[in-house]
Amino acid sequence: MAWARVCLWAVCACALRVALATVYFQEEFLDGERWRNRWVPSTNDSRLGHFRLSSGKFYGHKEKDKGLQTTQNGRFYAISARFPPFSNKGRTLVLQYTVKHEQKMDCGGGYVKVFPAGLDQRTLGTKSPYYIMFGPDICGYDLMKVHVILQFKNEYHENKKSIKCKVDGFTHLYTLILRPDLSYEVKIDGQTIELGSIEYDWQLTSLRKAERRPRESWDSPGDWEKHFLDAGTGKPGDWNSELDGDWPGPMLQKPPYQDGLKPEGIDQDIWLHEKMRSTSYLTQYDLSEFENIGAIGLELWQVRSGTIFDNFLLTDDEEYAESFGKATWGQTKGPEKEMDDILTKEEVTRAREEEEEELLAGGFNEPQRFFQRFHRFHQHKEL
């Protein structure tokens, strides 16, 4: 009985946690063609490719695995969906979705972008400002990476680590977690493949700066004196441990100066006490905080079409994102591979039967039959 009570408490606690999660955007395309009421294609170029709703040639569940599929080769694609604007200031932000390169991508993007609320959806294109770009990009053997790009002060900064993406034809779950402590995590199929510090992995350590009181605000040598580090007196009286961190202790001797010397007469080389804020000060630079998030979309190029995007999610709760991933991709990944195996075996069987019929009919000479067998063998090997 006691064990049952513990289990019930755990279930209730989990349910409460999910209930407290804020879901900013969630899209599974479960209502048929009504997705067109929520997603707006860009019309800034008549050559843009078109999307359709499809679960592909093989899938785990015909309805649950339906998503936005690219349909035309050698095209740019641009489409987006809005939601009520929000700020992730001081909160975790999780961006998650699934992508399936059914065509076995040779060159093209599979990433998503998160946009400001001011996005003009009808003119969405390569020059549209975005906050986050995340997901796989593939082109030949040279480019097989996961992009993680963040906007800071109207400039785009990419993670300097090389994060490898999946290159097969199955559906994969991509997750990006940005936390208010400036840590981040990238997951593929629920497994962590990269994590670290936004400050260091985006090479933004140069943003650490000192806060200095203007010289003109110090009116007398007495005012200046309390800003020198004095080995005898300890930490300055205006040191705030909550804002400035722990006092490192006396480091510098107070330089001598004559009575009556005006502040502006002191040489620049004198070491002044400059309040250095702790690392948490970097959060004020908004390295992972965006004030007006209001849209999500696809803006990419593909040589060969066929990619399917599904199960989009923006939330502030890591546990909810994990549960959502298990309830969607987690439920269909196994059956998807089983169906692909069955189709592959059927294709091989059908090819063998056709070859036997040709041999019996005697419609081809030996060199032609050899060439056809060789061609079919390599076709099925690629499947």
Protein backbone atom coordinates (compact mmCIF):
# COMPACT_ATOMS: atom_id res chain seq x y z
CA MET A 1 0.00 0.00 0.00
CA ALA A 2 2.84 2.39 0.88
CA TRP A 3 4.49 1.66 -2.49
CA ALA A 4 1.21 2.39 -4.27
CA ARG A 5 0.96 5.74 -2.49
CA VAL A 6 4.51 6.61 -3.56
CA CYS A 7 3.75 5.71 -7.18
CA LEU A 8 0.53 7.74 -7.10
CA TRP A 9 2.42 10.73 -5.68
CA ALA A 10 5.05 10.45 -8.43
CA VAL A 11 2.37 10.35 -11.13
CA CYS A 12 0.60 13.38 -9.64
CA ALA A 13 3.88 15.28 -9.37
CA CYS A 14 4.68 14.53 -13.02
CA ALA A 15 1.19 15.60 -14.11
CA LEU A 16 1.52 18.82 -12.12
CA ARG A 17 4.88 19.52 -13.74
CA VAL A 18 3.41 19.11 -17.22
CA ALA A 19 0.42 21.26 -16.25
CA LEU A 20 2.77 24.07 -15.20
CA ALA A 21 4.64 24.00 -18.52
CA THR A 22 4.07 26.91 -20.87
CA VAL A 23 3.59 25.74 -24.44
CA TYR A 24 4.04 28.69 -26.79
CA PHE A 25 3.56 26.71 -29.99
CA GLN A 26 2.77 23.10 -30.86
CA GLU A 27 1.98 21.66 -34.29
CA GLU A 28 1.32 18.03 -35.24
CA PHE A 29 -0.81 18.52 -38.41
CA LEU A 30 -3.57 16.24 -37.12
CA ASP A 31 -6.51 18.17 -38.60
CA GLY A 32 -5.99 17.53 -42.29
CA GLU A 33 -5.85 20.45 -44.70
CA ARG A 34 -6.76 22.98 -42.00
CA TRP A 35 -3.04 23.45 -41.50
CA ARG A 36 -3.27 25.96 -44.36
CA ASN A 37 -5.19 28.31 -42.04
CA ARG A 38 -2.20 28.43 -39.69
CA TRP A 39 0.80 28.30 -42.02
CA VAL A 40 1.42 31.12 -44.49
CA PRO A 41 3.63 30.53 -47.55
CA SER A 42 5.84 33.36 -48.72
CA THR A 43 4.89 34.99 -52.01
CA ASN A 44 7.97 37.13 -52.52
CA ASP A 45 9.16 34.91 -55.39
CA SER A 46 7.08 32.90 -57.84
CA ARG A 47 9.84 30.28 -58.04
CA LEU A 48 9.47 29.22 -54.40
CA GLY A 49 8.69 25.55 -53.90
CA HIS A 50 5.35 24.28 -52.60
CA PHE A 51 4.58 22.21 -49.51
CA ARG A 52 2.03 19.46 -49.12
CA LEU A 53 0.85 17.40 -46.16
CA SER A 54 2.26 13.88 -46.37
CA SER A 55 3.50 10.99 -44.23
CA GLY A 56 5.80 9.87 -47.06
CA LYS A 57 6.30 6.50 -48.74
CA PHE A 58 6.93 4.74 -45.43
CA TYR A 59 5.85 5.77 -41.95
CA GLY A 60 5.07 4.58 -38.45
CA HIS A 61 1.50 5.89 -38.45
CA LYS A 62 -0.18 7.25 -41.57
CA GLU A 63 -1.94 10.13 -39.82
CA LYS A 64 0.43 10.94 -36.94
CA ASP A 65 3.45 11.07 -39.24
CA LYS A 66 1.94 13.58 -41.65
CA GLY A 67 3.92 16.79 -41.89
CA LEU A 68 5.00 19.53 -44.27
CA GLN A 69 6.79 17.93 -47.22
CA THR A 70 8.83 19.74 -49.87
CA THR A 71 7.63 18.76 -53.36
CA GLN A 72 9.84 20.33 -56.06
CA ASN A 73 13.52 19.83 -56.81
CA GLY A 74 15.98 22.69 -56.95
CA ARG A 75 13.82 25.22 -55.10
CA PHE A 76 13.89 27.64 -52.19
CA TYR A 77 11.12 27.14 -49.64
CA ALA A 78 9.62 29.69 -47.25
CA ILE A 79 6.63 29.19 -44.95
CA SER A 80 5.79 30.27 -41.39
CA ALA A 81 3.20 30.17 -38.59
CA ARG A 82 2.37 32.80 -35.98
CA PHE A 83 1.57 32.53 -32.27
CA PRO A 84 1.01 35.04 -29.43
CA PRO A 85 4.30 36.92 -28.88
CA PHE A 86 6.33 36.11 -25.78
CA SER A 87 9.70 36.77 -24.13
CA ASN A 88 11.93 34.03 -22.77
CA LYS A 89 13.78 36.46 -20.51
CA GLY A 90 14.80 34.62 -17.36
CA ARG A 91 13.21 31.38 -18.60
CA THR A 92 14.32 28.24 -20.38
CA LEU A 93 13.44 28.00 -24.06
CA VAL A 94 13.10 24.63 -25.80
CA LEU A 95 12.82 24.40 -29.59
CA GLN A 96 11.99 20.92 -30.89
CA TYR A 97 10.75 19.29 -34.12
CA THR A 98 11.15 16.20 -36.28
CA VAL A 99 12.64 16.06 -39.77
CA LYS A 100 12.72 13.17 -42.22
CA HIS A 101 14.91 13.25 -45.34
CA GLU A 102 13.02 10.48 -47.07
CA GLN A 103 14.79 11.28 -50.34
CA LYS A 104 18.14 10.72 -48.58
CA MET A 105 19.25 14.33 -48.81
CA ASP A 106 22.30 15.04 -50.95
CA CYS A 107 22.22 18.84 -50.68
CA GLY A 108 19.75 21.00 -48.79
CA GLY A 109 18.54 22.34 -45.49
CA GLY A 110 16.42 20.69 -42.83
CA TYR A 111 16.53 23.45 -40.21
CA VAL A 112 13.87 25.72 -38.71
CA LYS A 113 13.96 29.39 -37.75
CA VAL A 114 12.34 31.32 -34.91
CA PHE A 115 11.34 34.87 -35.85
CA PRO A 116 10.35 38.15 -34.16
CA ALA A 117 6.63 38.90 -34.00
CA GLY A 118 7.11 41.63 -36.61
CA LEU A 119 7.87 39.13 -39.37
CA ASP A 120 6.10 39.83 -42.66
CA GLN A 121 5.09 36.29 -43.54
CA ARG A 122 4.26 37.09 -47.17
CA THR A 123 7.77 38.38 -47.85
CA LEU A 124 9.66 35.75 -45.84
CA GLY A 125 13.03 35.12 -47.47
CA THR A 126 16.76 34.84 -46.93
CA LYS A 127 16.97 38.44 -45.69
CA SER A 128 14.20 38.14 -43.08
CA PRO A 129 15.65 38.73 -39.59
CA TYR A 130 15.41 35.77 -37.22
CA TYR A 131 16.32 35.02 -33.60
CA ILE A 132 17.30 31.34 -33.84
CA MET A 133 18.27 28.99 -36.65
CA PHE A 134 18.51 25.35 -35.63
CA GLY A 135 18.72 22.00 -37.39
CA PRO A 136 20.56 19.88 -39.96
CA ASP A 137 22.18 21.10 -43.14
CA ILE A 138 23.64 18.65 -45.66
CA CYS A 139 25.57 19.12 -48.89
CA GLY A 140 27.77 16.31 -50.16
CA TYR A 141 30.43 14.91 -47.87
CA ASP A 142 31.73 18.31 -46.80
CA LEU A 143 28.66 19.61 -44.98
CA MET A 144 26.74 17.38 -42.58
CA LYS A 145 26.14 19.56 -39.56
CA VAL A 146 23.57 20.85 -37.11
CA HIS A 147 23.33 24.64 -37.22
CA VAL A 148 22.80 26.50 -33.95
CA ILE A 149 22.77 30.22 -34.77
CA LEU A 150 21.64 32.96 -32.36
CA GLN A 151 21.02 36.62 -33.06
CA PHE A 152 22.71 39.18 -30.83
CA LYS A 153 22.44 42.92 -31.49
CA ASN A 154 21.32 42.31 -35.09
CA GLU A 155 24.28 40.04 -35.80
CA TYR A 156 24.24 36.26 -36.16
CA HIS A 157 26.60 34.10 -34.14
CA GLU A 158 27.06 30.37 -34.78
CA ASN A 159 28.16 27.71 -32.33
CA LYS A 160 31.84 27.07 -32.99
CA LYS A 161 31.61 23.36 -32.21
CA SER A 162 31.05 20.90 -35.03
CA ILE A 163 27.75 19.08 -34.37
CA LYS A 164 27.07 16.24 -36.79
CA CYS A 165 23.55 15.55 -38.03
CA LYS A 166 21.79 12.35 -39.12
CA VAL A 167 22.03 11.61 -42.85
CA ASP A 168 19.73 8.60 -43.36
CA GLY A 169 16.15 8.56 -44.66
CA PHE A 170 14.37 8.10 -41.31
CA THR A 171 12.58 10.60 -39.05
CA HIS A 172 14.76 12.18 -36.36
CA LEU A 173 13.92 14.34 -33.35
CA TYR A 174 15.98 17.53 -32.96
CA THR A 175 15.94 19.48 -29.67
CA LEU A 176 17.63 22.75 -28.68
CA ILE A 177 17.56 23.92 -25.04
CA LEU A 178 18.62 27.47 -24.08
CA ARG A 179 18.74 28.14 -20.34
CA PRO A 180 18.83 31.48 -18.48
CA ASP A 181 22.18 30.55 -16.88
CA LEU A 182 23.70 30.71 -20.39
CA SER A 183 24.03 26.95 -20.71
CA TYR A 184 22.66 25.09 -23.72
CA GLU A 185 22.05 21.53 -24.87
CA VAL A 186 21.50 19.92 -28.28
CA LYS A 187 19.77 16.56 -28.51
CA ILE A 188 19.09 14.22 -31.41
CA ASP A 189 16.53 11.46 -30.86
CA GLY A 190 16.44 12.32 -27.15
CA GLN A 191 20.19 11.81 -26.69
CA THR A 192 22.49 14.69 -25.77
CA ILE A 193 25.10 15.21 -28.47
CA GLU A 194 26.45 18.61 -27.39
CA LEU A 195 26.20 20.94 -24.40
CA GLY A 196 28.14 23.76 -22.85
CA SER A 197 28.22 27.52 -22.34
CA ILE A 198 26.73 29.98 -24.79
CA GLU A 199 29.35 32.50 -23.72
CA TYR A 200 32.28 30.26 -24.63
CA ASP A 201 30.94 28.01 -27.41
CA TRP A 202 29.80 31.04 -29.39
CA GLN A 203 33.11 32.77 -28.56
CA LEU A 204 31.39 35.70 -26.88
CA THR A 205 33.72 36.03 -23.88
CA SER A 206 34.77 39.45 -25.16
CA LEU A 207 31.36 40.73 -24.08
CA ARG A 208 32.46 40.60 -20.46
CA LYS A 209 32.98 44.22 -19.52
CA ALA A 210 33.56 46.34 -16.47
CA GLU A 211 31.09 48.90 -15.17
CA ARG A 212 32.86 52.17 -14.43
CA ARG A 213 31.66 55.31 -12.66
CA PRO A 214 32.25 58.39 -14.87
CA ARG A 215 35.18 60.49 -13.65
CA GLU A 216 33.10 63.66 -13.76
CA SER A 217 30.86 62.22 -11.03
CA TRP A 218 33.77 62.07 -8.55
CA ASP A 219 34.02 65.54 -7.09
CA SER A 220 36.87 65.33 -4.63
CA PRO A 221 40.04 63.38 -3.85
CA GLY A 222 38.08 61.91 -0.96
CA ASP A 223 35.58 60.41 -3.41
CA TRP A 224 38.41 58.99 -5.45
CA GLU A 225 40.14 57.56 -2.43
CA LYS A 226 37.34 55.16 -1.56
CA HIS A 227 37.59 53.72 -5.08
CA PHE A 228 41.19 52.58 -4.67
CA LEU A 229 41.86 49.09 -3.50
CA ASP A 230 43.47 49.52 -0.12
CA ALA A 231 45.33 46.50 1.23
CA GLY A 232 44.69 47.71 4.73
CA THR A 233 40.96 48.42 4.67
CA GLY A 234 39.58 45.38 2.77
CA LYS A 235 36.61 45.57 0.42
CA PRO A 236 35.08 48.96 -0.52
CA GLY A 237 31.96 50.07 1.29
CA ASP A 238 29.94 50.17 -1.94
CA TRP A 239 30.71 46.54 -2.83
CA ASN A 240 27.43 44.60 -3.23
CA SER A 241 28.04 40.86 -2.88
CA GLU A 242 24.75 39.96 -4.57
CA LEU A 243 25.57 41.99 -7.68
CA ASP A 244 29.37 41.94 -7.68
CA GLY A 245 30.07 38.44 -6.40
CA ASP A 246 32.40 37.48 -3.59
CA TRP A 247 35.05 40.04 -2.67
CA PRO A 248 38.38 38.67 -3.98
CA GLY A 249 40.38 40.29 -1.21
CA PRO A 250 42.94 43.15 -1.30
CA MET A 251 44.98 43.09 -4.47
CA LEU A 252 46.44 46.55 -5.04
CA GLN A 253 48.01 49.23 -2.87
CA LYS A 254 46.49 52.68 -2.80
CA PRO A 255 48.73 54.99 -4.89
CA PRO A 256 49.89 58.11 -3.05
CA TYR A 257 48.85 61.58 -4.13
CA GLN A 258 49.25 65.05 -2.68
CA ASP A 259 46.53 66.87 -0.82
CA GLY A 260 44.43 69.07 -3.04
CA LEU A 261 45.23 67.17 -6.23
CA LYS A 262 42.17 67.25 -8.46
CA PRO A 263 40.84 63.94 -9.84
CA GLU A 264 41.52 64.89 -13.44
CA GLY A 265 45.17 65.37 -12.58
CA ILE A 266 45.72 61.74 -11.65
CA ASP A 267 47.53 59.77 -14.31
CA GLN A 268 45.57 57.24 -16.36
CA ASP A 269 47.91 54.45 -15.33
CA ILE A 270 46.80 54.57 -11.69
CA TRP A 271 44.89 51.42 -10.92
CA LEU A 272 41.38 52.39 -9.94
CA HIS A 273 38.73 50.21 -8.38
CA GLU A 274 36.33 49.33 -11.21
CA LYS A 275 33.37 47.34 -10.09
CA MET A 276 33.56 44.04 -11.97
CA ARG A 277 30.25 42.28 -12.06
CA SER A 278 30.08 38.50 -11.83
CA THR A 279 29.54 36.26 -14.87
CA SER A 280 25.77 36.57 -14.35
CA TYR A 281 26.11 40.12 -15.65
CA LEU A 282 26.35 38.61 -19.13
CA THR A 283 22.68 37.71 -19.00
CA GLN A 284 22.02 41.42 -19.47
CA TYR A 285 23.51 41.09 -22.93
CA ASP A 286 20.60 38.86 -23.99
CA LEU A 287 22.80 36.13 -25.40
CA SER A 288 19.92 33.68 -25.23
CA GLU A 289 16.98 35.96 -24.44
CA PHE A 290 14.59 37.34 -27.02
CA GLU A 291 11.92 39.88 -26.14
CA ASN A 292 9.36 39.44 -28.90
CA ILE A 293 9.25 35.88 -30.25
CA GLY A 294 6.21 35.51 -32.48
CA ALA A 295 6.70 33.11 -35.41
CA ILE A 296 8.35 29.87 -36.47
CA GLY A 297 9.07 28.75 -39.99
CA LEU A 298 11.10 27.11 -42.71
CA GLU A 299 13.32 29.17 -44.99
CA LEU A 300 15.73 26.90 -46.88
CA TRP A 301 17.00 25.47 -50.16
CA GLN A 302 16.81 21.87 -51.40
CA VAL A 303 18.31 20.22 -54.48
CA ARG A 304 16.14 17.11 -54.11
CA SER A 305 12.75 17.51 -52.46
CA GLY A 306 10.93 15.09 -50.18
CA THR A 307 11.83 16.23 -46.65
CA ILE A 308 9.00 16.07 -44.08
CA PHE A 309 8.84 18.48 -41.10
CA ASP A 310 6.57 17.66 -38.17
CA ASN A 311 5.94 17.87 -34.40
CA PHE A 312 7.02 21.49 -33.92
CA LEU A 313 7.25 22.64 -30.29
CA LEU A 314 8.24 25.78 -28.40
CA THR A 315 8.01 25.54 -24.61
CA ASP A 316 9.72 26.61 -21.41
CA ASP A 317 9.75 23.11 -19.93
CA GLU A 318 12.39 20.48 -20.72
CA GLU A 319 10.36 17.64 -19.23
CA TYR A 320 7.31 18.52 -21.30
CA ALA A 321 9.45 18.56 -24.45
CA GLU A 322 10.82 15.14 -23.59
CA SER A 323 7.33 13.75 -22.98
CA PHE A 324 6.05 15.27 -26.22
CA GLY A 325 8.94 13.74 -28.14
CA LYS A 326 8.22 10.30 -26.72
CA ALA A 327 4.50 10.60 -27.48
CA THR A 328 5.13 11.54 -31.13
CA TRP A 329 8.44 10.44 -32.64
CA GLY A 330 8.97 7.88 -29.88
CA GLN A 331 5.77 6.04 -30.76
CA THR A 332 6.29 5.86 -34.52
CA LYS A 333 10.07 5.48 -35.01
CA GLY A 334 9.97 1.68 -34.63
CA PRO A 335 7.02 1.00 -36.95
CA GLU A 336 8.54 3.41 -39.50
CA LYS A 337 11.69 1.29 -39.82
CA GLU A 338 9.63 -1.90 -39.94
CA MET A 339 7.58 -0.56 -42.84
CA ASP A 340 10.73 0.54 -44.67
CA ASP A 341 12.21 -2.97 -44.28
CA ILE A 342 9.04 -4.54 -45.67
CA LEU A 343 8.97 -2.19 -48.68
CA THR A 344 12.64 -2.81 -49.40
CA LYS A 345 12.15 -6.59 -49.35
CA GLU A 346 9.12 -6.29 -51.63
CA GLU A 347 11.13 -4.21 -54.10
CA VAL A 348 13.93 -6.77 -54.15
CA THR A 349 11.46 -9.63 -54.66
CA ARG A 350 9.68 -7.78 -57.44
CA ALA A 351 12.97 -7.05 -59.22
CA ARG A 352 14.00 -10.70 -59.07
CA GLU A 353 10.65 -11.82 -60.48
CA GLU A 354 10.98 -9.36 -63.35
CA GLU A 355 14.48 -10.62 -64.10
CA GLU A 356 13.30 -14.24 -64.14
CA GLU A 357 10.48 -13.35 -66.54
CA GLU A 358 12.95 -11.67 -68.87
CA LEU A 359 15.24 -14.70 -68.81
CA LEU A 360 12.37 -17.04 -69.61
CA ALA A 361 11.12 -14.80 -72.40
CA GLY A 362 14.62 -14.68 -73.88
CA GLY A 363 14.08 -11.16 -74.95
CA PHE A 364 17.59 -10.00 -74.08
CA ASN A 365 20.99 -11.22 -75.05
CA GLU A 366 23.50 -12.13 -72.35
CA PRO A 367 25.33 -8.75 -72.14
CA GLN A 368 22.03 -6.91 -71.80
CA ARG A 369 20.83 -9.28 -69.05
CA PHE A 370 24.11 -8.84 -67.20
CA PHE A 371 23.82 -5.06 -67.37
CA GLN A 372 20.25 -5.10 -66.05
CA ARG A 373 21.12 -7.43 -63.16
CA PHE A 374 24.08 -5.20 -62.25
CA HIS A 375 21.93 -2.06 -62.40
CA ARG A 376 19.14 -3.53 -60.24
CA PHE A 377 21.58 -4.87 -57.67
CA HIS A 378 23.04 -1.42 -57.08
CA GLN A 379 19.61 0.18 -57.02
CA HIS A 380 18.47 -2.08 -54.17
CA LYS A 381 21.76 -1.70 -52.35
CA GLU A 382 21.10 2.03 -52.09
CA LEU A 383 17.62 1.52 -50.58
